[in-house]
Amino acid sequence: MIPLMAAMREPTFLILTALAGGPRHGYGIVQDVAVLSEQRVTLLPGTLYTALDRLTAEGLVEPDREETVDGRRRRYFRLTSDGHAALGVEATRLRQLATAAEARLRAFRPGTA
């Protein structure tokens, strides 16, 4: 059972969402986050690996494997079961907030008050 946690910051949510599609290496995560956020969020390598270290310490992600491509080491990460659960909880929280906002927008129509 995942403990109650504070709301996630957007980059954390996007990193976990990228990893929900399967293991990714750092650059793959950066690219996926850019696509998921429609280019609004750009992760720099230092920021990404600091976040991955934190998420690993929290038990939400774990190393998957390493490989060398063209002389460069690629570290792959994957979600843990707690990471899946945390992402699900946050997705539900965001969906509830969006539903509440949409209901209020529908209820208030400018010019009718």
C-alpha atoms as a PDB file:
ATOM      1  CA  MET A   1       0.000   0.000   0.000  1.00  0.00           C
ATOM      2  CA  ILE A   2       1.456   3.364  -0.997  1.00  0.00           C
ATOM      3  CA  PRO A   3       1.527   5.960   1.772  1.00  0.00           C
ATOM      4  CA  LEU A   4      -0.353   9.227   1.371  1.00  0.00           C
ATOM      5  CA  MET A   5       1.866  11.714  -0.372  1.00  0.00           C
ATOM      6  CA  ALA A   6       1.817  15.347  -1.265  1.00  0.00           C
ATOM      7  CA  ALA A   7       0.739  16.349  -4.753  1.00  0.00           C
ATOM      8  CA  MET A   8       3.439  15.673  -7.323  1.00  0.00           C
ATOM      9  CA  ARG A   9       5.236  18.397  -9.147  1.00  0.00           C
ATOM     10  CA  GLU A  10       4.578  18.301 -12.876  1.00  0.00           C
ATOM     11  CA  PRO A  11       8.074  17.079 -13.898  1.00  0.00           C
ATOM     12  CA  THR A  12       7.788  14.151 -11.452  1.00  0.00           C
ATOM     13  CA  PHE A  13       4.354  13.259 -12.804  1.00  0.00           C
ATOM     14  CA  LEU A  14       5.674  13.395 -16.370  1.00  0.00           C
ATOM     15  CA  ILE A  15       8.755  11.286 -15.572  1.00  0.00           C
ATOM     16  CA  LEU A  16       6.585   8.608 -13.973  1.00  0.00           C
ATOM     17  CA  THR A  17       4.160   8.804 -16.902  1.00  0.00           C
ATOM     18  CA  ALA A  18       7.039   8.331 -19.356  1.00  0.00           C
ATOM     19  CA  LEU A  19       8.177   5.261 -17.428  1.00  0.00           C
ATOM     20  CA  ALA A  20       4.632   3.856 -17.341  1.00  0.00           C
ATOM     21  CA  GLY A  21       5.181   3.032 -21.011  1.00  0.00           C
ATOM     22  CA  GLY A  22       8.077   0.736 -20.082  1.00  0.00           C
ATOM     23  CA  PRO A  23      11.750   1.088 -19.192  1.00  0.00           C
ATOM     24  CA  ARG A  24      13.479   4.141 -20.654  1.00  0.00           C
ATOM     25  CA  HIS A  25      16.994   5.535 -20.639  1.00  0.00           C
ATOM     26  CA  GLY A  26      17.634   9.144 -19.658  1.00  0.00           C
ATOM     27  CA  TYR A  27      17.448  10.706 -23.103  1.00  0.00           C
ATOM     28  CA  GLY A  28      14.335   8.662 -23.886  1.00  0.00           C
ATOM     29  CA  ILE A  29      12.690  10.034 -20.747  1.00  0.00           C
ATOM     30  CA  VAL A  30      13.657  13.601 -21.711  1.00  0.00           C
ATOM     31  CA  GLN A  31      12.123  13.124 -25.171  1.00  0.00           C
ATOM     32  CA  ASP A  32       8.971  11.478 -23.839  1.00  0.00           C
ATOM     33  CA  VAL A  33       8.433  14.226 -21.240  1.00  0.00           C
ATOM     34  CA  ALA A  34       8.744  16.857 -23.988  1.00  0.00           C
ATOM     35  CA  VAL A  35       6.118  15.057 -26.086  1.00  0.00           C
ATOM     36  CA  LEU A  36       3.771  14.437 -23.139  1.00  0.00           C
ATOM     37  CA  SER A  37       3.963  18.091 -22.100  1.00  0.00           C
ATOM     38  CA  GLU A  38       3.644  19.376 -25.671  1.00  0.00           C
ATOM     39  CA  GLN A  39       7.157  20.884 -25.330  1.00  0.00           C
ATOM     40  CA  ARG A  40       6.278  22.904 -22.176  1.00  0.00           C
ATOM     41  CA  VAL A  41       8.615  20.899 -19.946  1.00  0.00           C
ATOM     42  CA  THR A  42      12.244  20.450 -20.930  1.00  0.00           C
ATOM     43  CA  LEU A  43      14.326  18.364 -18.557  1.00  0.00           C
ATOM     44  CA  LEU A  44      18.053  18.981 -18.405  1.00  0.00           C
ATOM     45  CA  PRO A  45      20.215  15.918 -17.660  1.00  0.00           C
ATOM     46  CA  GLY A  46      21.194  17.139 -14.186  1.00  0.00           C
ATOM     47  CA  THR A  47      17.571  17.784 -13.274  1.00  0.00           C
ATOM     48  CA  LEU A  48      16.463  14.417 -14.654  1.00  0.00           C
ATOM     49  CA  TYR A  49      19.090  12.352 -12.867  1.00  0.00           C
ATOM     50  CA  THR A  50      18.547  14.225  -9.586  1.00  0.00           C
ATOM     51  CA  ALA A  51      14.828  13.418  -9.903  1.00  0.00           C
ATOM     52  CA  LEU A  52      15.564   9.780 -10.791  1.00  0.00           C
ATOM     53  CA  ASP A  53      17.860   9.463  -7.765  1.00  0.00           C
ATOM     54  CA  ARG A  54      15.095  10.899  -5.543  1.00  0.00           C
ATOM     55  CA  LEU A  55      12.420   8.678  -7.085  1.00  0.00           C
ATOM     56  CA  THR A  56      14.698   5.659  -6.649  1.00  0.00           C
ATOM     57  CA  ALA A  57      15.257   6.542  -2.972  1.00  0.00           C
ATOM     58  CA  GLU A  58      11.466   6.869  -2.569  1.00  0.00           C
ATOM     59  CA  GLY A  59      10.989   3.411  -4.120  1.00  0.00           C
ATOM     60  CA  LEU A  60       8.962   4.687  -7.092  1.00  0.00           C
ATOM     61  CA  VAL A  61      11.502   3.813  -9.797  1.00  0.00           C
ATOM     62  CA  GLU A  62      14.407   1.409  -9.997  1.00  0.00           C
ATOM     63  CA  PRO A  63      17.289   0.761 -12.365  1.00  0.00           C
ATOM     64  CA  ASP A  64      16.367  -1.680 -15.113  1.00  0.00           C
ATOM     65  CA  ARG A  65      19.636  -2.242 -16.989  1.00  0.00           C
ATOM     66  CA  GLU A  66      22.661  -0.564 -18.496  1.00  0.00           C
ATOM     67  CA  GLU A  67      24.007  -0.799 -22.021  1.00  0.00           C
ATOM     68  CA  THR A  68      26.704   0.893 -24.029  1.00  0.00           C
ATOM     69  CA  VAL A  69      25.794   2.411 -27.390  1.00  0.00           C
ATOM     70  CA  ASP A  70      28.452   4.169 -29.478  1.00  0.00           C
ATOM     71  CA  GLY A  71      30.723   4.303 -26.442  1.00  0.00           C
ATOM     72  CA  ARG A  72      28.086   5.943 -24.254  1.00  0.00           C
ATOM     73  CA  ARG A  73      26.551   4.293 -21.231  1.00  0.00           C
ATOM     74  CA  ARG A  74      22.756   4.247 -21.130  1.00  0.00           C
ATOM     75  CA  ARG A  75      21.039   3.613 -17.826  1.00  0.00           C
ATOM     76  CA  TYR A  76      17.467   2.419 -18.078  1.00  0.00           C
ATOM     77  CA  PHE A  77      14.888   2.925 -15.343  1.00  0.00           C
ATOM     78  CA  ARG A  78      11.456   1.408 -14.752  1.00  0.00           C
ATOM     79  CA  LEU A  79       8.517   2.022 -12.441  1.00  0.00           C
ATOM     80  CA  THR A  80       8.172  -0.105  -9.349  1.00  0.00           C
ATOM     81  CA  SER A  81       4.771  -1.312  -8.194  1.00  0.00           C
ATOM     82  CA  ASP A  82       4.739   1.630  -5.746  1.00  0.00           C
ATOM     83  CA  GLY A  83       5.548   3.933  -8.666  1.00  0.00           C
ATOM     84  CA  HIS A  84       2.574   2.579 -10.616  1.00  0.00           C
ATOM     85  CA  ALA A  85       0.353   3.088  -7.576  1.00  0.00           C
ATOM     86  CA  ALA A  86       1.630   6.642  -6.935  1.00  0.00           C
ATOM     87  CA  LEU A  87       1.089   7.589 -10.576  1.00  0.00           C
ATOM     88  CA  GLY A  88      -2.427   6.178 -10.439  1.00  0.00           C
ATOM     89  CA  VAL A  89      -3.235   8.127  -7.270  1.00  0.00           C
ATOM     90  CA  GLU A  90      -1.925  11.354  -8.788  1.00  0.00           C
ATOM     91  CA  ALA A  91      -3.751  10.795 -12.085  1.00  0.00           C
ATOM     92  CA  THR A  92      -6.986  10.302 -10.133  1.00  0.00           C
ATOM     93  CA  ARG A  93      -6.351  13.453  -8.073  1.00  0.00           C
ATOM     94  CA  LEU A  94      -5.704  15.524 -11.202  1.00  0.00           C
ATOM     95  CA  ARG A  95      -8.770  14.080 -12.938  1.00  0.00           C
ATOM     96  CA  GLN A  96     -10.962  15.010  -9.944  1.00  0.00           C
ATOM     97  CA  LEU A  97      -9.606  18.565  -9.961  1.00  0.00           C
ATOM     98  CA  ALA A  98     -10.155  18.904 -13.696  1.00  0.00           C
ATOM     99  CA  THR A  99     -13.706  17.550 -13.372  1.00  0.00           C
ATOM    100  CA  ALA A 100     -14.483  20.074 -10.617  1.00  0.00           C
ATOM    101  CA  ALA A 101     -13.072  22.938 -12.713  1.00  0.00           C
ATOM    102  CA  GLU A 102     -15.052  21.864 -15.785  1.00  0.00           C
ATOM    103  CA  ALA A 103     -18.271  21.628 -13.733  1.00  0.00           C
ATOM    104  CA  ARG A 104     -17.764  25.143 -12.422  1.00  0.00           C
ATOM    105  CA  LEU A 105     -17.003  26.470 -15.891  1.00  0.00           C
ATOM    106  CA  ARG A 106     -20.200  24.894 -17.225  1.00  0.00           C
ATOM    107  CA  ALA A 107     -22.235  26.268 -14.317  1.00  0.00           C
ATOM    108  CA  PHE A 108     -20.928  29.802 -14.703  1.00  0.00           C
ATOM    109  CA  ARG A 109     -21.582  31.230 -18.099  1.00  0.00           C
ATOM    110  CA  PRO A 110     -20.344  34.820 -18.438  1.00  0.00           C
ATOM    111  CA  GLY A 111     -23.171  37.253 -19.019  1.00  0.00           C
ATOM    112  CA  THR A 112     -25.751  35.151 -17.163  1.00  0.00           C
ATOM    113  CA  ALA A 113     -24.962  36.342 -13.646  1.00  0.00           C
END
